[in-house]
Amino acid sequence: MSMQSHLAELEKRHQALENEISDCLAHPATDGLRIGELKRKKLLVKEQIERLRHNGHASIH
């Protein structure tokens, strides 16, 4: 998988998690632990995106 396609997949996953978090927050019966878990996953994906962008940027220079 190329770096660009991997980055695109991570960005899709990040957006999907954002949508899922929004859906959970719209339903008051949602477990707070579930929302916390989704937020942690979203943060991990964001960190992967940033690391990939940084490494890709560093290899260009």
Protein backbone atom coordinates (compact mmCIF):
# COMPACT_ATOMS: atom_id res chain seq x y z
CA MET A 1 0.00 0.00 0.00
CA SER A 2 1.40 3.38 -0.92
CA MET A 3 1.82 6.09 1.67
CA GLN A 4 -0.93 8.20 0.05
CA SER A 5 -3.46 5.37 0.03
CA HIS A 6 -2.59 4.45 3.61
CA LEU A 7 -3.03 8.08 4.63
CA ALA A 8 -6.39 8.23 2.83
CA GLU A 9 -7.57 5.09 4.64
CA LEU A 10 -6.54 6.52 8.01
CA GLU A 11 -8.36 9.77 7.25
CA LYS A 12 -11.52 7.82 6.32
CA ARG A 13 -11.24 5.85 9.56
CA HIS A 14 -10.76 9.07 11.55
CA GLN A 15 -13.88 10.60 9.96
CA ALA A 16 -15.89 7.42 10.58
CA LEU A 17 -14.93 7.53 14.26
CA GLU A 18 -15.89 11.22 14.41
CA ASN A 19 -19.29 10.36 12.92
CA GLU A 20 -19.78 7.51 15.37
CA ILE A 21 -18.90 9.76 18.30
CA SER A 22 -21.39 12.37 17.08
CA ASP A 23 -24.10 9.71 16.77
CA CYS A 24 -23.39 8.45 20.27
CA LEU A 25 -23.52 11.96 21.72
CA ALA A 26 -26.91 12.49 20.04
CA HIS A 27 -28.34 9.57 22.03
CA PRO A 28 -28.34 10.27 25.77
CA ALA A 29 -28.54 6.57 26.63
CA THR A 30 -25.07 5.91 25.19
CA ASP A 31 -22.54 4.62 27.68
CA GLY A 32 -19.86 7.17 28.56
CA LEU A 33 -17.24 4.43 28.48
CA ARG A 34 -18.13 3.71 24.84
CA ILE A 35 -17.67 7.37 23.93
CA GLY A 36 -14.32 7.45 25.74
CA GLU A 37 -13.19 4.34 23.88
CA LEU A 38 -14.15 5.88 20.54
CA LYS A 39 -12.31 9.10 21.39
CA ARG A 40 -9.17 7.16 22.30
CA LYS A 41 -9.34 5.26 19.01
CA LYS A 42 -9.82 8.51 17.13
CA LEU A 43 -6.79 10.03 18.86
CA LEU A 44 -4.65 7.00 18.00
CA VAL A 45 -5.67 7.29 14.35
CA LYS A 46 -4.91 11.01 14.39
CA GLU A 47 -1.46 10.28 15.82
CA GLN A 48 -0.86 7.72 13.07
CA ILE A 49 -1.88 10.29 10.45
CA GLU A 50 0.44 12.91 11.90
CA ARG A 51 3.33 10.46 12.16
CA LEU A 52 2.83 9.34 8.56
CA ARG A 53 2.64 12.92 7.33
CA HIS A 54 5.76 13.86 9.30
CA ASN A 55 7.72 10.85 8.05
CA GLY A 56 6.60 11.46 4.47
CA HIS A 57 7.51 15.12 4.72
CA ALA A 58 10.90 14.32 6.23
CA SER A 59 11.74 11.83 3.47
CA ILE A 60 11.01 14.43 0.77
CA HIS A 61 13.62 16.86 2.12
